[in-house]
Structure formats: structure tokens, C-alpha cells
PDB file of N, CA and C in Angstrom:
ATOM      1  N   UNK A   1      26.547  27.847 -12.052  1.00  0.00           N
ATOM      2  CA  UNK A   1      26.904  28.175 -10.687  1.00  0.00           C
ATOM      3  C   UNK A   1      25.512  28.253  -9.755  1.00  0.00           C
ATOM      4  N   UNK A   2      24.586  29.203 -10.663  1.00  0.00           N
ATOM      5  CA  UNK A   2      23.232  29.283  -9.750  1.00  0.00           C
ATOM      6  C   UNK A   2      22.552  28.030  -9.849  1.00  0.00           C
ATOM      7  N   UNK A   3      22.410  27.397 -10.715  1.00  0.00           N
ATOM      8  CA  UNK A   3      21.898  26.145 -10.917  1.00  0.00           C
ATOM      9  C   UNK A   3      22.205  25.176  -9.672  1.00  0.00           C
ATOM     10  N   UNK A   4      23.690  25.216  -9.643  1.00  0.00           N
ATOM     11  CA  UNK A   4      23.956  24.228  -8.492  1.00  0.00           C
ATOM     12  C   UNK A   4      23.601  24.665  -6.963  1.00  0.00           C
ATOM     13  N   UNK A   5      23.551  26.003  -6.732  1.00  0.00           N
ATOM     14  CA  UNK A   5      22.904  26.430  -5.741  1.00  0.00           C
ATOM     15  C   UNK A   5      21.586  26.236  -5.327  1.00  0.00           C
ATOM     16  N   UNK A   6      20.819  26.222  -6.318  1.00  0.00           N
ATOM     17  CA  UNK A   6      19.594  25.852  -6.114  1.00  0.00           C
ATOM     18  C   UNK A   6      19.497  24.199  -6.038  1.00  0.00           C
ATOM     19  N   UNK A   7      20.200  23.535  -6.594  1.00  0.00           N
ATOM     20  CA  UNK A   7      20.199  22.114  -6.259  1.00  0.00           C
ATOM     21  C   UNK A   7      20.416  21.801  -4.790  1.00  0.00           C
ATOM     22  N   UNK A   8      21.783  22.561  -4.513  1.00  0.00           N
ATOM     23  CA  UNK A   8      21.969  22.075  -3.011  1.00  0.00           C
ATOM     24  C   UNK A   8      20.796  22.551  -2.110  1.00  0.00           C
ATOM     25  N   UNK A   9      20.157  23.722  -2.151  1.00  0.00           N
ATOM     26  CA  UNK A   9      19.234  24.105  -1.445  1.00  0.00           C
ATOM     27  C   UNK A   9      18.025  23.284  -1.447  1.00  0.00           C
ATOM     28  N   UNK A  10      17.700  22.625  -2.872  1.00  0.00           N
ATOM     29  CA  UNK A  10      16.287  21.693  -2.620  1.00  0.00           C
ATOM     30  C   UNK A  10      16.802  20.266  -1.980  1.00  0.00           C
ATOM     31  N   UNK A  11      17.988  19.946  -2.196  1.00  0.00           N
ATOM     32  CA  UNK A  11      18.724  18.802  -1.491  1.00  0.00           C
ATOM     33  C   UNK A  11      18.293  19.041  -0.050  1.00  0.00           C
ATOM     34  N   UNK A  12      19.055  19.864   0.571  1.00  0.00           N
ATOM     35  CA  UNK A  12      18.891  20.353   1.907  1.00  0.00           C
ATOM     36  C   UNK A  12      17.524  20.533   2.456  1.00  0.00           C
ATOM     37  N   UNK A  13      16.771  20.804   1.637  1.00  0.00           N
ATOM     38  CA  UNK A  13      15.168  21.061   2.046  1.00  0.00           C
ATOM     39  C   UNK A  13      14.474  19.665   2.012  1.00  0.00           C
ATOM     40  N   UNK A  14      14.752  18.693   1.011  1.00  0.00           N
ATOM     41  CA  UNK A  14      14.256  17.496   1.121  1.00  0.00           C
ATOM     42  C   UNK A  14      14.910  16.528   2.297  1.00  0.00           C
ATOM     43  N   UNK A  15      16.299  16.809   2.622  1.00  0.00           N
ATOM     44  CA  UNK A  15      16.549  16.276   3.724  1.00  0.00           C
ATOM     45  C   UNK A  15      15.858  16.685   5.163  1.00  0.00           C
ATOM     46  N   UNK A  16      15.777  18.133   5.136  1.00  0.00           N
ATOM     47  CA  UNK A  16      14.951  18.470   6.397  1.00  0.00           C
ATOM     48  C   UNK A  16      13.473  17.755   6.512  1.00  0.00           C
ATOM     49  N   UNK A  17      12.970  17.645   5.403  1.00  0.00           N
ATOM     50  CA  UNK A  17      11.618  16.996   5.466  1.00  0.00           C
ATOM     51  C   UNK A  17      11.512  15.538   5.824  1.00  0.00           C
ATOM     52  N   UNK A  18      12.732  14.909   5.409  1.00  0.00           N
ATOM     53  CA  UNK A  18      12.721  13.565   5.549  1.00  0.00           C
ATOM     54  C   UNK A  18      13.092  13.294   7.069  1.00  0.00           C
ATOM     55  N   UNK A  19      13.831  14.242   7.656  1.00  0.00           N
ATOM     56  CA  UNK A  19      14.346  13.917   8.871  1.00  0.00           C
ATOM     57  C   UNK A  19      13.468  14.332   9.854  1.00  0.00           C
ATOM     58  N   UNK A  20      12.440  15.285   9.416  1.00  0.00           N
ATOM     59  CA  UNK A  20      11.270  15.482  10.487  1.00  0.00           C
ATOM     60  C   UNK A  20      10.414  14.370  10.444  1.00  0.00           C
ATOM     61  N   UNK A  21      10.087  13.561   9.505  1.00  0.00           N
ATOM     62  CA  UNK A  21       9.304  12.319   9.502  1.00  0.00           C
ATOM     63  C   UNK A  21       9.767  11.291  10.219  1.00  0.00           C
ATOM     64  N   UNK A  22      11.244  11.128  10.160  1.00  0.00           N
ATOM     65  CA  UNK A  22      11.931   9.955  10.484  1.00  0.00           C
ATOM     66  C   UNK A  22      12.072   9.991  12.308  1.00  0.00           C
ATOM     67  N   UNK A  23      12.376  11.239  12.657  1.00  0.00           N
ATOM     68  CA  UNK A  23      12.602  11.370  14.185  1.00  0.00           C
ATOM     69  C   UNK A  23      11.613  10.865  14.987  1.00  0.00           C
ATOM     70  N   UNK A  24      10.324  11.222  14.704  1.00  0.00           N
ATOM     71  CA  UNK A  24       9.207  10.685  15.579  1.00  0.00           C
ATOM     72  C   UNK A  24       9.059   9.272  15.442  1.00  0.00           C
ATOM     73  N   UNK A  25       9.679   8.474  14.345  1.00  0.00           N
ATOM     74  CA  UNK A  25       9.410   7.180  14.125  1.00  0.00           C
ATOM     75  C   UNK A  25      10.611   6.540  14.809  1.00  0.00           C
ATOM     76  N   UNK A  26      11.663   6.871  15.049  1.00  0.00           N
ATOM     77  CA  UNK A  26      12.597   6.635  15.903  1.00  0.00           C
ATOM     78  C   UNK A  26      12.502   6.539  17.165  1.00  0.00           C
ATOM     79  N   UNK A  27      11.581   7.529  17.922  1.00  0.00           N
ATOM     80  CA  UNK A  27      11.324   7.737  19.164  1.00  0.00           C
ATOM     81  C   UNK A  27      10.287   6.845  19.652  1.00  0.00           C
ATOM     82  N   UNK A  28       9.391   6.232  18.850  1.00  0.00           N
ATOM     83  CA  UNK A  28       8.427   5.092  18.982  1.00  0.00           C
ATOM     84  C   UNK A  28       9.125   3.733  18.838  1.00  0.00           C
ATOM     85  N   UNK A  29      10.210   3.586  18.013  1.00  0.00           N
ATOM     86  CA  UNK A  29      11.096   2.470  18.229  1.00  0.00           C
ATOM     87  C   UNK A  29      12.252   2.250  19.193  1.00  0.00           C
ATOM     88  N   UNK A  30      12.327   3.302  20.231  1.00  0.00           N
ATOM     89  CA  UNK A  30      13.360   3.009  21.034  1.00  0.00           C
ATOM     90  C   UNK A  30      13.156   1.962  22.133  1.00  0.00           C
ATOM     91  N   UNK A  31      12.030   1.813  22.666  1.00  0.00           N
ATOM     92  CA  UNK A  31      12.051   0.648  23.468  1.00  0.00           C
ATOM     93  C   UNK A  31      12.294  -0.865  22.990  1.00  0.00           C
ATOM     94  N   UNK A  32      12.007  -0.902  21.764  1.00  0.00           N
ATOM     95  CA  UNK A  32      12.223  -2.157  20.863  1.00  0.00           C
ATOM     96  C   UNK A  32      13.844  -2.245  20.561  1.00  0.00           C
ATOM     97  N   UNK A  33      14.541  -1.063  20.340  1.00  0.00           N
ATOM     98  CA  UNK A  33      15.828  -1.191  20.240  1.00  0.00           C
ATOM     99  C   UNK A  33      16.637  -1.516  21.342  1.00  0.00           C
ATOM    100  N   UNK A  34      16.276  -0.943  22.520  1.00  0.00           N
ATOM    101  CA  UNK A  34      16.761  -1.274  23.650  1.00  0.00           C
ATOM    102  C   UNK A  34      16.726  -2.544  24.348  1.00  0.00           C
ATOM    103  N   UNK A  35      15.557  -3.092  23.833  1.00  0.00           N
ATOM    104  CA  UNK A  35      15.144  -4.850  24.268  1.00  0.00           C
ATOM    105  C   UNK A  35      16.078  -5.699  23.375  1.00  0.00           C
ATOM    106  N   UNK A  36      16.250  -5.375  22.022  1.00  0.00           N
ATOM    107  CA  UNK A  36      17.423  -5.976  21.357  1.00  0.00           C
ATOM    108  C   UNK A  36      18.869  -5.928  21.842  1.00  0.00           C
ATOM    109  N   UNK A  37      19.434  -4.821  22.171  1.00  0.00           N
ATOM    110  CA  UNK A  37      20.568  -4.524  22.622  1.00  0.00           C
ATOM    111  C   UNK A  37      20.684  -5.294  23.930  1.00  0.00           C
ATOM    112  N   UNK A  38      19.670  -5.357  24.964  1.00  0.00           N
ATOM    113  CA  UNK A  38      19.821  -6.003  26.107  1.00  0.00           C
ATOM    114  C   UNK A  38      19.896  -7.610  25.842  1.00  0.00           C
ATOM    115  N   UNK A  39      19.342  -8.123  25.135  1.00  0.00           N
ATOM    116  CA  UNK A  39      19.208  -9.420  24.671  1.00  0.00           C
ATOM    117  C   UNK A  39      20.515 -10.044  23.925  1.00  0.00           C
ATOM    118  N   UNK A  40      21.464  -8.858  23.456  1.00  0.00           N
ATOM    119  CA  UNK A  40      22.609  -9.407  23.064  1.00  0.00           C
ATOM    120  C   UNK A  40      23.609 -10.114  23.958  1.00  0.00           C
ATOM    121  N   UNK A  41      24.347 -11.010  23.313  1.00  0.00           N
ATOM    122  CA  UNK A  41      25.433 -11.539  24.635  1.00  0.00           C
ATOM    123  C   UNK A  41      26.595 -10.512  24.744  1.00  0.00           C
ATOM    124  N   UNK A  42      26.792 -10.448  25.877  1.00  0.00           N
ATOM    125  CA  UNK A  42      27.977  -9.434  26.568  1.00  0.00           C
ATOM    126  C   UNK A  42      29.428 -10.054  26.212  1.00  0.00           C
ATOM    127  N   UNK A  43      30.222  -9.091  25.783  1.00  0.00           N
ATOM    128  CA  UNK A  43      31.591  -9.454  25.752  1.00  0.00           C
ATOM    129  C   UNK A  43      32.265  -9.597  26.889  1.00  0.00           C
ATOM    130  N   UNK A  44      33.193 -10.415  27.412  1.00  0.00           N
ATOM    131  CA  UNK A  44      33.731 -10.525  28.455  1.00  0.00           C
ATOM    132  C   UNK A  44      34.730  -9.458  28.644  1.00  0.00           C
ATOM    133  N   UNK A  45      34.887  -8.813  30.060  1.00  0.00           N
ATOM    134  CA  UNK A  45      35.778  -7.679  30.227  1.00  0.00           C
ATOM    135  C   UNK A  45      37.097  -8.245  30.249  1.00  0.00           C
ATOM    136  N   UNK A  46      37.870  -7.016  30.295  1.00  0.00           N
ATOM    137  CA  UNK A  46      39.397  -7.428  30.149  1.00  0.00           C
ATOM    138  C   UNK A  46      39.898  -8.315  31.320  1.00  0.00           C
ATOM    139  N   UNK A  47      39.399  -8.029  32.601  1.00  0.00           N
ATOM    140  CA  UNK A  47      39.560  -9.060  33.588  1.00  0.00           C
ATOM    141  C   UNK A  47      39.215 -10.439  33.421  1.00  0.00           C
ATOM    142  N   UNK A  48      37.945 -10.433  32.770  1.00  0.00           N
ATOM    143  CA  UNK A  48      37.714 -11.798  32.509  1.00  0.00           C
ATOM    144  C   UNK A  48      38.435 -12.531  31.675  1.00  0.00           C
ATOM    145  N   UNK A  49      38.840 -11.928  30.507  1.00  0.00           N
ATOM    146  CA  UNK A  49      39.858 -12.155  29.289  1.00  0.00           C
ATOM    147  C   UNK A  49      40.879 -12.719  30.001  1.00  0.00           C
ATOM    148  N   UNK A  50      41.659 -11.902  30.996  1.00  0.00           N
ATOM    149  CA  UNK A  50      42.981 -12.323  31.554  1.00  0.00           C
ATOM    150  C   UNK A  50      42.617 -13.693  32.398  1.00  0.00           C
ATOM    151  N   UNK A  51      41.586 -13.694  33.127  1.00  0.00           N
ATOM    152  CA  UNK A  51      41.430 -15.033  33.771  1.00  0.00           C
ATOM    153  C   UNK A  51      41.072 -16.331  32.854  1.00  0.00           C
ATOM    154  N   UNK A  52      40.687 -15.990  31.896  1.00  0.00           N
ATOM    155  CA  UNK A  52      40.219 -17.246  30.785  1.00  0.00           C
ATOM    156  C   UNK A  52      41.676 -17.434  30.248  1.00  0.00           C
ATOM    157  N   UNK A  53      42.719 -16.412  29.935  1.00  0.00           N
ATOM    158  CA  UNK A  53      44.017 -16.877  29.537  1.00  0.00           C
ATOM    159  C   UNK A  53      44.832 -17.412  30.409  1.00  0.00           C
ATOM    160  N   UNK A  54      44.759 -17.132  31.830  1.00  0.00           N
ATOM    161  CA  UNK A  54      45.438 -17.940  32.911  1.00  0.00           C
ATOM    162  C   UNK A  54      44.927 -19.222  32.972  1.00  0.00           C
ATOM    163  N   UNK A  55      43.708 -19.617  32.787  1.00  0.00           N
ATOM    164  CA  UNK A  55      43.186 -20.874  33.184  1.00  0.00           C
ATOM    165  C   UNK A  55      43.355 -21.843  31.790  1.00  0.00           C
ATOM    166  N   UNK A  56      43.719 -21.034  30.785  1.00  0.00           N
ATOM    167  CA  UNK A  56      43.860 -21.849  29.420  1.00  0.00           C
ATOM    168  C   UNK A  56      45.290 -22.230  29.192  1.00  0.00           C
ATOM    169  N   UNK A  57      46.088 -21.485  29.806  1.00  0.00           N
ATOM    170  CA  UNK A  57      47.807 -21.796  29.606  1.00  0.00           C
ATOM    171  C   UNK A  57      48.352 -22.005  30.684  1.00  0.00           C
TER     172      UNK A  57
END
């Protein structure tokens, strides 16, 4: 039981240190991620889909 508590504590500590290093890296990549999402094609809205359906049938 005690060894399980120690293992959980060490895992939580390791996750904390990893998160501490990862978060600044994600802030640095934010403009690049925004650019990728803006370059993706947009899906048609519900109104556009209805118009397409009316024109096709």
C-alpha cells in the first residue's frame, strides 16, 4: 500500500515537471497553429448545405 502511494506521488511529480516544460513550448507555437487552422478549408454551414441540396435535387 505504501509503495503504491509513493509510486503515485512520483508519477504526479514527473507529470508536473513535464507540464512545466511543455507549456512554454506551446505558447511559442501558438501563431503557427493558428496559421494552420486558418489555412484549412471551411466546412459549409447548415444554410449552405440546404442550398446545395435544393440545387442538386
